[in-house]
C-alpha atoms as a PDB file:
ATOM      1  CA  MET A   1       4.493  48.645 -46.747  1.00  0.00           C
ATOM      2  CA  GLU A   2       5.247  49.017 -43.046  1.00  0.00           C
ATOM      3  CA  LYS A   3       8.545  47.499 -41.989  1.00  0.00           C
ATOM      4  CA  LYS A   4       8.277  44.898 -39.216  1.00  0.00           C
ATOM      5  CA  SER A   5      10.066  45.791 -35.994  1.00  0.00           C
ATOM      6  CA  PHE A   6      13.182  43.838 -35.055  1.00  0.00           C
ATOM      7  CA  LYS A   7      13.684  42.948 -31.411  1.00  0.00           C
ATOM      8  CA  SER A   8      16.932  42.000 -29.724  1.00  0.00           C
ATOM      9  CA  GLY A   9      18.320  41.591 -26.237  1.00  0.00           C
ATOM     10  CA  PHE A  10      19.780  39.376 -23.534  1.00  0.00           C
ATOM     11  CA  ALA A  11      17.849  36.782 -21.532  1.00  0.00           C
ATOM     12  CA  ALA A  12      19.707  35.369 -18.519  1.00  0.00           C
ATOM     13  CA  ILE A  13      18.879  31.764 -17.628  1.00  0.00           C
ATOM     14  CA  VAL A  14      19.275  31.477 -13.871  1.00  0.00           C
ATOM     15  CA  GLY A  15      18.398  29.008 -11.145  1.00  0.00           C
ATOM     16  CA  ARG A  16      20.028  26.705  -8.661  1.00  0.00           C
ATOM     17  CA  SER A  17      22.286  23.885  -9.778  1.00  0.00           C
ATOM     18  CA  ASN A  18      20.848  20.967 -11.737  1.00  0.00           C
ATOM     19  CA  VAL A  19      17.450  22.430 -12.614  1.00  0.00           C
ATOM     20  CA  GLY A  20      18.123  21.988 -16.349  1.00  0.00           C
ATOM     21  CA  LYS A  21      19.495  25.385 -17.405  1.00  0.00           C
ATOM     22  CA  SER A  22      22.075  23.999 -19.834  1.00  0.00           C
ATOM     23  CA  THR A  23      19.605  21.515 -21.325  1.00  0.00           C
ATOM     24  CA  LEU A  24      17.201  24.418 -21.818  1.00  0.00           C
ATOM     25  CA  LEU A  25      19.853  26.531 -23.555  1.00  0.00           C
ATOM     26  CA  ASN A  26      20.601  23.693 -25.975  1.00  0.00           C
ATOM     27  CA  SER A  27      16.883  23.222 -26.678  1.00  0.00           C
ATOM     28  CA  LEU A  28      16.352  26.932 -27.310  1.00  0.00           C
ATOM     29  CA  VAL A  29      19.247  27.216 -29.765  1.00  0.00           C
ATOM     30  CA  GLY A  30      18.630  23.825 -31.379  1.00  0.00           C
ATOM     31  CA  THR A  31      22.132  22.386 -31.015  1.00  0.00           C
ATOM     32  CA  LYS A  32      24.587  21.385 -28.309  1.00  0.00           C
ATOM     33  CA  ILE A  33      26.313  24.419 -26.839  1.00  0.00           C
ATOM     34  CA  ALA A  34      26.370  23.916 -23.069  1.00  0.00           C
ATOM     35  CA  ILE A  35      27.427  20.672 -21.434  1.00  0.00           C
ATOM     36  CA  VAL A  36      24.797  18.703 -19.543  1.00  0.00           C
ATOM     37  CA  THR A  37      25.604  16.571 -16.491  1.00  0.00           C
ATOM     38  CA  GLU A  38      23.993  15.676 -13.177  1.00  0.00           C
ATOM     39  CA  LYS A  39      26.982  17.127 -11.362  1.00  0.00           C
ATOM     40  CA  ALA A  40      26.512  20.509  -9.700  1.00  0.00           C
ATOM     41  CA  GLN A  41      27.983  23.705 -11.119  1.00  0.00           C
ATOM     42  CA  THR A  42      29.469  22.324 -14.326  1.00  0.00           C
ATOM     43  CA  THR A  43      28.711  25.621 -16.106  1.00  0.00           C
ATOM     44  CA  ARG A  44      31.598  28.003 -15.344  1.00  0.00           C
ATOM     45  CA  GLN A  45      31.414  30.774 -17.915  1.00  0.00           C
ATOM     46  CA  ALA A  46      28.461  32.907 -18.964  1.00  0.00           C
ATOM     47  CA  ILE A  47      27.785  31.016 -22.185  1.00  0.00           C
ATOM     48  CA  HIS A  48      25.761  32.789 -24.866  1.00  0.00           C
ATOM     49  CA  GLY A  49      23.386  30.837 -27.066  1.00  0.00           C
ATOM     50  CA  ILE A  50      21.991  32.941 -29.903  1.00  0.00           C
ATOM     51  CA  LEU A  51      18.514  32.376 -31.311  1.00  0.00           C
ATOM     52  CA  HIS A  52      17.839  33.901 -34.742  1.00  0.00           C
ATOM     53  CA  ASP A  53      14.174  34.429 -35.543  1.00  0.00           C
ATOM     54  CA  PRO A  54      12.204  36.537 -38.071  1.00  0.00           C
ATOM     55  CA  ARG A  55      11.027  38.620 -35.091  1.00  0.00           C
ATOM     56  CA  GLY A  56      14.556  39.343 -33.908  1.00  0.00           C
ATOM     57  CA  GLN A  57      17.489  37.912 -31.983  1.00  0.00           C
ATOM     58  CA  ILE A  58      17.588  36.567 -28.430  1.00  0.00           C
ATOM     59  CA  VAL A  59      20.936  36.062 -26.716  1.00  0.00           C
ATOM     60  CA  PHE A  60      20.342  33.494 -23.992  1.00  0.00           C
ATOM     61  CA  VAL A  61      22.957  33.571 -21.235  1.00  0.00           C
ATOM     62  CA  ASP A  62      23.555  30.281 -19.399  1.00  0.00           C
ATOM     63  CA  THR A  63      24.923  30.925 -15.913  1.00  0.00           C
ATOM     64  CA  PRO A  64      26.504  28.884 -13.103  1.00  0.00           C
ATOM     65  CA  GLY A  65      24.078  27.614 -10.484  1.00  0.00           C
ATOM     66  CA  ILE A  66      24.252  28.795  -6.897  1.00  0.00           C
ATOM     67  CA  LEU A  67      25.869  26.466  -4.345  1.00  0.00           C
ATOM     68  CA  LEU A  68      25.742  27.269  -0.628  1.00  0.00           C
ATOM     69  CA  LYS A  69      27.612  24.378   0.986  1.00  0.00           C
ATOM     70  CA  SER A  70      31.049  24.598  -0.633  1.00  0.00           C
ATOM     71  CA  LYS A  71      33.288  27.505   0.335  1.00  0.00           C
ATOM     72  CA  ASP A  72      36.296  26.809  -1.898  1.00  0.00           C
ATOM     73  CA  ARG A  73      37.695  29.411  -4.254  1.00  0.00           C
ATOM     74  CA  LEU A  74      36.082  27.949  -7.364  1.00  0.00           C
ATOM     75  CA  THR A  75      32.583  27.922  -5.860  1.00  0.00           C
ATOM     76  CA  LYS A  76      32.902  31.491  -4.603  1.00  0.00           C
ATOM     77  CA  THR A  77      34.032  32.637  -8.068  1.00  0.00           C
ATOM     78  CA  LEU A  78      31.157  30.850  -9.815  1.00  0.00           C
ATOM     79  CA  ASN A  79      28.552  32.126  -7.348  1.00  0.00           C
ATOM     80  CA  GLN A  80      29.765  35.664  -8.007  1.00  0.00           C
ATOM     81  CA  ARG A  81      29.561  35.114 -11.776  1.00  0.00           C
ATOM     82  CA  ALA A  82      26.004  33.858 -11.441  1.00  0.00           C
ATOM     83  CA  LYS A  83      25.039  37.072  -9.664  1.00  0.00           C
ATOM     84  CA  GLU A  84      26.894  39.298 -12.152  1.00  0.00           C
ATOM     85  CA  SER A  85      25.079  37.622 -15.058  1.00  0.00           C
ATOM     86  CA  LEU A  86      21.886  39.475 -14.090  1.00  0.00           C
ATOM     87  CA  GLU A  87      23.444  42.867 -14.799  1.00  0.00           C
ATOM     88  CA  GLY A  88      22.381  44.538 -18.016  1.00  0.00           C
ATOM     89  CA  VAL A  89      19.988  41.842 -19.260  1.00  0.00           C
ATOM     90  CA  ASP A  90      16.520  42.496 -20.681  1.00  0.00           C
ATOM     91  CA  VAL A  91      14.779  39.386 -19.327  1.00  0.00           C
ATOM     92  CA  VAL A  92      15.484  36.992 -16.467  1.00  0.00           C
ATOM     93  CA  ILE A  93      14.411  33.382 -17.062  1.00  0.00           C
ATOM     94  CA  TYR A  94      14.255  31.729 -13.656  1.00  0.00           C
ATOM     95  CA  VAL A  95      14.243  27.928 -13.979  1.00  0.00           C
ATOM     96  CA  VAL A  96      12.944  25.635 -11.243  1.00  0.00           C
ATOM     97  CA  ASP A  97      12.695  21.874 -10.803  1.00  0.00           C
ATOM     98  CA  PRO A  98       9.315  20.750  -9.378  1.00  0.00           C
ATOM     99  CA  THR A  99      10.747  17.372  -8.353  1.00  0.00           C
ATOM    100  CA  ARG A 100      12.846  19.140  -5.679  1.00  0.00           C
ATOM    101  CA  SER A 101      11.540  21.061  -2.674  1.00  0.00           C
ATOM    102  CA  VAL A 102      12.128  24.784  -2.302  1.00  0.00           C
ATOM    103  CA  GLY A 103      15.403  24.872  -0.365  1.00  0.00           C
ATOM    104  CA  GLY A 104      18.073  27.262   0.869  1.00  0.00           C
ATOM    105  CA  GLU A 105      19.681  27.789  -2.524  1.00  0.00           C
ATOM    106  CA  GLU A 106      16.277  28.666  -3.980  1.00  0.00           C
ATOM    107  CA  GLN A 107      15.570  31.160  -1.206  1.00  0.00           C
ATOM    108  CA  VAL A 108      18.942  32.881  -1.713  1.00  0.00           C
ATOM    109  CA  LEU A 109      18.267  33.296  -5.420  1.00  0.00           C
ATOM    110  CA  LEU A 110      14.701  34.489  -4.884  1.00  0.00           C
ATOM    111  CA  ARG A 111      15.838  37.133  -2.402  1.00  0.00           C
ATOM    112  CA  GLY A 112      18.391  38.304  -4.943  1.00  0.00           C
ATOM    113  CA  LEU A 113      15.744  38.463  -7.660  1.00  0.00           C
ATOM    114  CA  GLU A 114      13.545  40.717  -5.533  1.00  0.00           C
ATOM    115  CA  LYS A 115      16.112  43.484  -6.053  1.00  0.00           C
ATOM    116  CA  VAL A 116      16.161  42.999  -9.837  1.00  0.00           C
ATOM    117  CA  LYS A 117      13.782  45.318 -11.696  1.00  0.00           C
ATOM    118  CA  THR A 118      14.194  43.449 -15.000  1.00  0.00           C
ATOM    119  CA  PRO A 119      11.078  41.536 -16.220  1.00  0.00           C
ATOM    120  CA  LYS A 120      11.159  37.960 -14.923  1.00  0.00           C
ATOM    121  CA  ILE A 121       9.731  34.747 -16.375  1.00  0.00           C
ATOM    122  CA  LEU A 122       9.304  31.730 -14.103  1.00  0.00           C
ATOM    123  CA  VAL A 123      10.040  28.537 -16.028  1.00  0.00           C
ATOM    124  CA  ILE A 124       8.829  25.357 -14.349  1.00  0.00           C
ATOM    125  CA  ASN A 125      10.927  22.632 -15.999  1.00  0.00           C
ATOM    126  CA  LYS A 126      10.581  18.830 -16.084  1.00  0.00           C
ATOM    127  CA  ILE A 127       6.811  18.721 -16.584  1.00  0.00           C
ATOM    128  CA  ASP A 128       7.427  15.457 -18.472  1.00  0.00           C
ATOM    129  CA  VAL A 129       7.847  13.867 -15.017  1.00  0.00           C
ATOM    130  CA  LEU A 130       4.590  12.269 -13.849  1.00  0.00           C
ATOM    131  CA  ASN A 131       3.014  14.268 -10.997  1.00  0.00           C
ATOM    132  CA  PRO A 132       6.105  16.167  -9.813  1.00  0.00           C
ATOM    133  CA  GLN A 133       5.814  16.414  -6.034  1.00  0.00           C
ATOM    134  CA  TYR A 134       6.416  20.140  -5.525  1.00  0.00           C
ATOM    135  CA  ILE A 135       4.853  21.659  -8.642  1.00  0.00           C
ATOM    136  CA  GLU A 136       2.091  23.484  -6.750  1.00  0.00           C
ATOM    137  CA  ASP A 137       4.680  25.181  -4.527  1.00  0.00           C
ATOM    138  CA  TYR A 138       6.358  26.598  -7.628  1.00  0.00           C
ATOM    139  CA  ARG A 139       3.076  27.566  -9.285  1.00  0.00           C
ATOM    140  CA  GLU A 140       2.301  29.578  -6.148  1.00  0.00           C
ATOM    141  CA  MET A 141       5.695  31.251  -6.546  1.00  0.00           C
ATOM    142  CA  GLY A 142       4.583  32.409 -10.005  1.00  0.00           C
ATOM    143  CA  LYS A 143       2.595  35.326  -8.580  1.00  0.00           C
ATOM    144  CA  ASN A 144       5.921  37.117  -8.046  1.00  0.00           C
ATOM    145  CA  PHE A 145       6.876  36.863 -11.741  1.00  0.00           C
ATOM    146  CA  ASP A 146       5.705  38.657 -14.884  1.00  0.00           C
ATOM    147  CA  GLN A 147       4.950  35.391 -16.697  1.00  0.00           C
ATOM    148  CA  VAL A 148       4.984  31.659 -15.960  1.00  0.00           C
ATOM    149  CA  VAL A 149       5.774  28.991 -18.561  1.00  0.00           C
ATOM    150  CA  GLU A 150       5.778  25.252 -17.862  1.00  0.00           C
ATOM    151  CA  ILE A 151       8.147  23.262 -20.079  1.00  0.00           C
ATOM    152  CA  SER A 152      10.200  20.142 -20.543  1.00  0.00           C
ATOM    153  CA  ALA A 153      13.663  21.130 -21.772  1.00  0.00           C
ATOM    154  CA  MET A 154      14.587  17.464 -22.191  1.00  0.00           C
ATOM    155  CA  LYS A 155      11.534  16.710 -24.363  1.00  0.00           C
ATOM    156  CA  ASN A 156      11.431  20.120 -26.131  1.00  0.00           C
ATOM    157  CA  LYS A 157       7.910  20.667 -24.829  1.00  0.00           C
ATOM    158  CA  HIS A 158       6.501  24.237 -24.844  1.00  0.00           C
ATOM    159  CA  ILE A 159       9.903  25.709 -25.808  1.00  0.00           C
ATOM    160  CA  LYS A 160       8.160  27.884 -28.428  1.00  0.00           C
ATOM    161  CA  SER A 161       5.875  29.274 -25.721  1.00  0.00           C
ATOM    162  CA  LEU A 162       8.933  30.379 -23.773  1.00  0.00           C
ATOM    163  CA  VAL A 163      10.491  31.991 -26.855  1.00  0.00           C
ATOM    164  CA  ASN A 164       7.223  33.842 -27.520  1.00  0.00           C
ATOM    165  CA  ALA A 165       7.153  35.078 -23.923  1.00  0.00           C
ATOM    166  CA  VAL A 166      10.695  36.437 -24.229  1.00  0.00           C
ATOM    167  CA  PHE A 167       9.930  38.223 -27.509  1.00  0.00           C
ATOM    168  CA  GLU A 168       6.918  39.911 -25.882  1.00  0.00           C
ATOM    169  CA  ILE A 169       9.298  41.547 -23.409  1.00  0.00           C
ATOM    170  CA  LEU A 170      12.350  42.321 -25.563  1.00  0.00           C
ATOM    171  CA  PRO A 171      12.851  45.890 -26.784  1.00  0.00           C
ATOM    172  CA  GLU A 172      13.360  46.828 -30.416  1.00  0.00           C
ATOM    173  CA  GLY A 173      17.004  46.872 -31.406  1.00  0.00           C
ATOM    174  CA  GLU A 174      19.741  45.859 -33.820  1.00  0.00           C
ATOM    175  CA  PRO A 175      21.233  42.326 -33.993  1.00  0.00           C
ATOM    176  CA  ILE A 176      23.873  41.734 -31.318  1.00  0.00           C
ATOM    177  CA  TYR A 177      25.620  38.886 -33.144  1.00  0.00           C
ATOM    178  CA  PRO A 178      26.009  38.085 -36.867  1.00  0.00           C
ATOM    179  CA  GLU A 179      23.358  35.797 -38.324  1.00  0.00           C
ATOM    180  CA  PHE A 180      25.762  32.842 -38.726  1.00  0.00           C
ATOM    181  CA  GLN A 181      26.874  32.855 -35.055  1.00  0.00           C
ATOM    182  CA  ILE A 182      25.116  30.715 -32.435  1.00  0.00           C
ATOM    183  CA  THR A 183      27.464  31.098 -29.444  1.00  0.00           C
ATOM    184  CA  ASN A 184      30.102  33.379 -27.976  1.00  0.00           C
ATOM    185  CA  MET A 185      32.446  30.473 -27.216  1.00  0.00           C
ATOM    186  CA  ASP A 186      35.555  30.020 -29.310  1.00  0.00           C
ATOM    187  CA  ASN A 187      36.094  26.578 -30.804  1.00  0.00           C
ATOM    188  CA  LYS A 188      38.787  25.447 -28.351  1.00  0.00           C
ATOM    189  CA  PHE A 189      36.720  26.328 -25.303  1.00  0.00           C
ATOM    190  CA  TRP A 190      33.650  24.555 -26.714  1.00  0.00           C
ATOM    191  CA  ILE A 191      35.714  21.409 -27.413  1.00  0.00           C
ATOM    192  CA  SER A 192      37.113  21.502 -23.876  1.00  0.00           C
ATOM    193  CA  GLU A 193      33.557  21.665 -22.505  1.00  0.00           C
ATOM    194  CA  ILE A 194      32.525  18.538 -24.450  1.00  0.00           C
ATOM    195  CA  ILE A 195      35.522  16.631 -23.034  1.00  0.00           C
ATOM    196  CA  ARG A 196      34.754  17.844 -19.512  1.00  0.00           C
ATOM    197  CA  GLU A 197      31.174  16.636 -19.862  1.00  0.00           C
ATOM    198  CA  LYS A 198      32.378  13.134 -20.744  1.00  0.00           C
ATOM    199  CA  ILE A 199      34.658  13.032 -17.699  1.00  0.00           C
ATOM    200  CA  PHE A 200      31.713  13.844 -15.444  1.00  0.00           C
ATOM    201  CA  HIS A 201      29.560  11.217 -17.148  1.00  0.00           C
ATOM    202  CA  GLN A 202      32.309   8.621 -16.722  1.00  0.00           C
ATOM    203  CA  PHE A 203      32.977   9.195 -13.020  1.00  0.00           C
ATOM    204  CA  TYR A 204      30.134  11.285 -11.579  1.00  0.00           C
ATOM    205  CA  GLN A 205      30.710  11.166  -7.780  1.00  0.00           C
ATOM    206  CA  GLU A 206      34.259   9.792  -7.869  1.00  0.00           C
ATOM    207  CA  VAL A 207      35.961  12.847  -9.396  1.00  0.00           C
ATOM    208  CA  PRO A 208      35.404  16.353  -7.959  1.00  0.00           C
ATOM    209  CA  TYR A 209      33.797  18.992 -10.162  1.00  0.00           C
ATOM    210  CA  ASN A 210      36.912  21.182  -9.910  1.00  0.00           C
ATOM    211  CA  ILE A 211      38.800  19.646 -12.800  1.00  0.00           C
ATOM    212  CA  ASN A 212      39.721  21.567 -15.910  1.00  0.00           C
ATOM    213  CA  VAL A 213      40.224  20.797 -19.591  1.00  0.00           C
ATOM    214  CA  LEU A 214      42.544  22.960 -21.665  1.00  0.00           C
ATOM    215  CA  VAL A 215      42.571  22.517 -25.461  1.00  0.00           C
ATOM    216  CA  ASP A 216      45.964  23.834 -26.499  1.00  0.00           C
ATOM    217  CA  GLU A 217      46.237  22.607 -30.106  1.00  0.00           C
ATOM    218  CA  THR A 218      43.839  22.117 -33.015  1.00  0.00           C
ATOM    219  CA  GLU A 219      44.941  21.487 -36.591  1.00  0.00           C
ATOM    220  CA  HIS A 220      43.445  20.306 -39.865  1.00  0.00           C
ATOM    221  CA  ARG A 221      45.983  17.801 -41.179  1.00  0.00           C
ATOM    222  CA  GLU A 222      46.717  16.757 -44.759  1.00  0.00           C
ATOM    223  CA  ASN A 223      45.006  13.365 -44.304  1.00  0.00           C
ATOM    224  CA  GLY A 224      41.703  15.171 -43.688  1.00  0.00           C
ATOM    225  CA  ILE A 225      41.734  14.529 -39.949  1.00  0.00           C
ATOM    226  CA  PHE A 226      41.066  17.327 -37.469  1.00  0.00           C
ATOM    227  CA  TYR A 227      43.693  16.882 -34.728  1.00  0.00           C
ATOM    228  CA  ILE A 228      42.915  18.037 -31.178  1.00  0.00           C
ATOM    229  CA  HIS A 229      45.273  17.967 -28.190  1.00  0.00           C
ATOM    230  CA  ALA A 230      43.689  18.525 -24.787  1.00  0.00           C
ATOM    231  CA  LEU A 231      45.151  18.636 -21.298  1.00  0.00           C
ATOM    232  CA  ILE A 232      42.966  17.404 -18.430  1.00  0.00           C
ATOM    233  CA  GLU A 233      44.058  19.211 -15.264  1.00  0.00           C
ATOM    234  CA  VAL A 234      43.362  17.797 -11.781  1.00  0.00           C
ATOM    235  CA  ASN A 235      44.409  19.032  -8.368  1.00  0.00           C
ATOM    236  CA  ASP A 236      45.536  15.678  -6.933  1.00  0.00           C
ATOM    237  CA  GLY A 237      47.632  12.771  -8.239  1.00  0.00           C
ATOM    238  CA  ARG A 238      45.022  10.189  -7.232  1.00  0.00           C
ATOM    239  CA  TYR A 239      42.544  11.720  -9.668  1.00  0.00           C
ATOM    240  CA  LYS A 240      45.108  11.516 -12.451  1.00  0.00           C
ATOM    241  CA  LYS A 241      45.408   7.758 -11.900  1.00  0.00           C
ATOM    242  CA  MET A 242      41.628   7.422 -11.756  1.00  0.00           C
ATOM    243  CA  ILE A 243      41.036   9.296 -15.010  1.00  0.00           C
ATOM    244  CA  ILE A 244      43.723   7.336 -16.867  1.00  0.00           C
ATOM    245  CA  GLY A 245      42.494   4.018 -15.453  1.00  0.00           C
ATOM    246  CA  ALA A 246      44.121   0.599 -15.538  1.00  0.00           C
ATOM    247  CA  GLY A 247      45.977   0.185 -18.824  1.00  0.00           C
ATOM    248  CA  GLY A 248      44.623   3.570 -19.955  1.00  0.00           C
ATOM    249  CA  ARG A 249      41.091   2.156 -20.241  1.00  0.00           C
ATOM    250  CA  LYS A 250      39.208   5.106 -18.703  1.00  0.00           C
ATOM    251  CA  ILE A 251      40.980   7.811 -20.695  1.00  0.00           C
ATOM    252  CA  LYS A 252      40.281   5.838 -23.880  1.00  0.00           C
ATOM    253  CA  GLU A 253      36.568   5.644 -23.006  1.00  0.00           C
ATOM    254  CA  ILE A 254      36.448   9.393 -22.327  1.00  0.00           C
ATOM    255  CA  GLY A 255      38.228  10.106 -25.615  1.00  0.00           C
ATOM    256  CA  SER A 256      35.982   7.791 -27.613  1.00  0.00           C
ATOM    257  CA  SER A 257      32.794   9.319 -26.202  1.00  0.00           C
ATOM    258  CA  ALA A 258      33.996  12.908 -26.724  1.00  0.00           C
ATOM    259  CA  ARG A 259      35.209  12.151 -30.241  1.00  0.00           C
ATOM    260  CA  HIS A 260      31.817  10.657 -31.150  1.00  0.00           C
ATOM    261  CA  ASP A 261      30.020  13.856 -30.087  1.00  0.00           C
ATOM    262  CA  LEU A 262      32.546  16.134 -31.781  1.00  0.00           C
ATOM    263  CA  GLU A 263      32.392  14.239 -35.080  1.00  0.00           C
ATOM    264  CA  LYS A 264      28.591  14.241 -35.018  1.00  0.00           C
ATOM    265  CA  ILE A 265      28.352  17.990 -34.408  1.00  0.00           C
ATOM    266  CA  MET A 266      31.325  19.129 -36.513  1.00  0.00           C
ATOM    267  CA  GLY A 267      30.764  16.714 -39.394  1.00  0.00           C
ATOM    268  CA  GLU A 268      34.406  15.694 -39.792  1.00  0.00           C
ATOM    269  CA  LYS A 269      36.860  13.021 -38.649  1.00  0.00           C
ATOM    270  CA  ILE A 270      38.546  13.792 -35.347  1.00  0.00           C
ATOM    271  CA  PHE A 271      41.788  12.571 -33.754  1.00  0.00           C
ATOM    272  CA  LEU A 272      41.529  13.413 -30.062  1.00  0.00           C
ATOM    273  CA  ASP A 273      44.799  13.315 -28.113  1.00  0.00           C
ATOM    274  CA  LEU A 274      44.169  13.484 -24.338  1.00  0.00           C
ATOM    275  CA  GLU A 275      46.761  14.020 -21.616  1.00  0.00           C
ATOM    276  CA  VAL A 276      46.288  14.257 -17.822  1.00  0.00           C
ATOM    277  CA  ASP A 277      48.331  16.563 -15.602  1.00  0.00           C
ATOM    278  CA  VAL A 278      48.335  17.486 -11.894  1.00  0.00           C
ATOM    279  CA  ASN A 279      48.015  21.259 -11.477  1.00  0.00           C
ATOM    280  CA  PRO A 280      46.359  22.433  -8.238  1.00  0.00           C
ATOM    281  CA  ARG A 281      46.659  26.087  -9.319  1.00  0.00           C
ATOM    282  CA  TRP A 282      44.567  25.923 -12.495  1.00  0.00           C
ATOM    283  CA  VAL A 283      41.633  27.622 -10.676  1.00  0.00           C
ATOM    284  CA  GLU A 284      43.678  30.855 -10.635  1.00  0.00           C
ATOM    285  CA  ARG A 285      43.246  31.116 -14.423  1.00  0.00           C
ATOM    286  CA  ILE A 286      39.443  31.246 -14.515  1.00  0.00           C
END
């Protein structure tokens, strides 16, 4: 009996900020890996989400979105990481949002993609939106790609079609990650990302995106509780006061929301101990 071929490789998910890349990664893998907010450039690391399938293994790489307006150190670092994420991948999944016009950020990315010889799939996201205004502009763009797939990452619509399209392109190869692994993130970093997501949801425009969360202690205690200590780092004292809130109300709301998500995903009781510190130099660590 002929043995079925096994395919494996890397598929970089790229696109400008807030087109739904992290939501798509979570939909593809089937669980929450990347944080999802409406705030630009919340993805900072190249996060791997691993899909195991009888046909093979796809390692999806979620990347920071491109921002043109900000020129601070963090933005420059993340823009560079977004560009580096295209190196050595087997497929580029370029995600667009048909509710937004083709702008400067899009043009910068498209010019960069012209130099990439890797097979490219155009993914038009958010087709659950009724009559998205710019969808025909993006469909026209599809002539420059190897394949076009229209999806809704939020509603899990046509996700299988995208997976099939990636498998058509992937080369034969050995598994890159063990079968039990679904991400490259260690547990502390993943926990810190969940907390950071809740901060953005709580404040949105009021707190800048350049805050950091550092999980420095995790411990299973004798009472069956999983203890987590996390340090929220901000670059200005006024943001510390804002995150703590009057009588500690805001920090309690952040902790409660993060703990709910963590308990749901991890399946155990969590004690989440949050602390806020002013450290304008935290960006130097990333």
